[in-house]
Amino acid sequence: MPGLGSLASALYILNLPVDDAMVTGLATAAAAGITALADRHHSIPGESAEPS
């Protein structure tokens, strides 16, 4: 998984415009990934991660 440095380098090299929509999209994707990893880490095999 690329790190923030890799992303910054790609944006610089590709000279992509960075606007609020791009930052929001990246933050949303990062938060979703972190949440998925946390859910997987804290779940018990064979049980649902959703509270009942």
C-alpha atoms as a PDB file:
ATOM      1  CA  MET A   1       0.000   0.000   0.000  1.00  0.00           C
ATOM      2  CA  PRO A   2       1.560   3.319  -0.989  1.00  0.00           C
ATOM      3  CA  GLY A   3       2.234   5.816   1.733  1.00  0.00           C
ATOM      4  CA  LEU A   4       1.489   9.507   1.886  1.00  0.00           C
ATOM      5  CA  GLY A   5       4.959  10.301   0.545  1.00  0.00           C
ATOM      6  CA  SER A   6       4.298   8.219  -2.556  1.00  0.00           C
ATOM      7  CA  LEU A   7       1.007  10.024  -3.088  1.00  0.00           C
ATOM      8  CA  ALA A   8       2.596  13.450  -2.679  1.00  0.00           C
ATOM      9  CA  SER A   9       5.365  12.493  -5.114  1.00  0.00           C
ATOM     10  CA  ALA A  10       2.856  11.256  -7.685  1.00  0.00           C
ATOM     11  CA  LEU A  11       0.827  14.459  -7.431  1.00  0.00           C
ATOM     12  CA  TYR A  12       3.993  16.535  -7.832  1.00  0.00           C
ATOM     13  CA  ILE A  13       5.346  14.498 -10.741  1.00  0.00           C
ATOM     14  CA  LEU A  14       2.001  14.323 -12.548  1.00  0.00           C
ATOM     15  CA  ASN A  15       1.327  17.985 -11.731  1.00  0.00           C
ATOM     16  CA  LEU A  16      -2.267  17.207 -10.787  1.00  0.00           C
ATOM     17  CA  PRO A  17      -4.358  20.004  -9.335  1.00  0.00           C
ATOM     18  CA  VAL A  18      -5.131  19.501  -5.663  1.00  0.00           C
ATOM     19  CA  ASP A  19      -8.506  20.899  -4.723  1.00  0.00           C
ATOM     20  CA  ASP A  20     -10.968  20.388  -1.883  1.00  0.00           C
ATOM     21  CA  ALA A  21     -12.727  17.550  -3.715  1.00  0.00           C
ATOM     22  CA  MET A  22      -9.477  15.596  -4.150  1.00  0.00           C
ATOM     23  CA  VAL A  23      -8.483  16.068  -0.506  1.00  0.00           C
ATOM     24  CA  THR A  24     -11.968  15.052   0.654  1.00  0.00           C
ATOM     25  CA  GLY A  25     -11.916  11.965  -1.563  1.00  0.00           C
ATOM     26  CA  LEU A  26      -8.485  10.907  -0.336  1.00  0.00           C
ATOM     27  CA  ALA A  27      -9.460  11.458   3.308  1.00  0.00           C
ATOM     28  CA  THR A  28     -12.687   9.481   2.830  1.00  0.00           C
ATOM     29  CA  ALA A  29     -10.819   6.585   1.215  1.00  0.00           C
ATOM     30  CA  ALA A  30      -8.167   6.588   3.941  1.00  0.00           C
ATOM     31  CA  ALA A  31     -10.790   6.629   6.705  1.00  0.00           C
ATOM     32  CA  ALA A  32     -12.684   3.758   5.065  1.00  0.00           C
ATOM     33  CA  GLY A  33      -9.503   1.705   4.830  1.00  0.00           C
ATOM     34  CA  ILE A  34      -8.554   2.357   8.441  1.00  0.00           C
ATOM     35  CA  THR A  35     -12.077   1.511   9.597  1.00  0.00           C
ATOM     36  CA  ALA A  36     -12.056  -1.745   7.611  1.00  0.00           C
ATOM     37  CA  LEU A  37      -8.700  -2.747   9.098  1.00  0.00           C
ATOM     38  CA  ALA A  38      -9.865  -1.902  12.620  1.00  0.00           C
ATOM     39  CA  ASP A  39     -13.095  -3.865  12.147  1.00  0.00           C
ATOM     40  CA  ARG A  40     -11.153  -6.858  10.855  1.00  0.00           C
ATOM     41  CA  HIS A  41      -8.622  -6.620  13.683  1.00  0.00           C
ATOM     42  CA  HIS A  42     -11.280  -6.440  16.402  1.00  0.00           C
ATOM     43  CA  SER A  43     -13.674  -9.055  15.024  1.00  0.00           C
ATOM     44  CA  ILE A  44     -13.788 -12.611  16.321  1.00  0.00           C
ATOM     45  CA  PRO A  45     -13.558 -15.259  13.582  1.00  0.00           C
ATOM     46  CA  GLY A  46     -16.987 -16.677  12.855  1.00  0.00           C
ATOM     47  CA  GLU A  47     -18.839 -13.744  14.429  1.00  0.00           C
ATOM     48  CA  SER A  48     -20.247 -10.644  12.793  1.00  0.00           C
ATOM     49  CA  ALA A  49     -18.384  -7.359  13.348  1.00  0.00           C
ATOM     50  CA  GLU A  50     -21.780  -5.601  13.519  1.00  0.00           C
ATOM     51  CA  PRO A  51     -23.255  -5.116  16.998  1.00  0.00           C
ATOM     52  CA  SER A  52     -26.522  -6.976  17.547  1.00  0.00           C
END
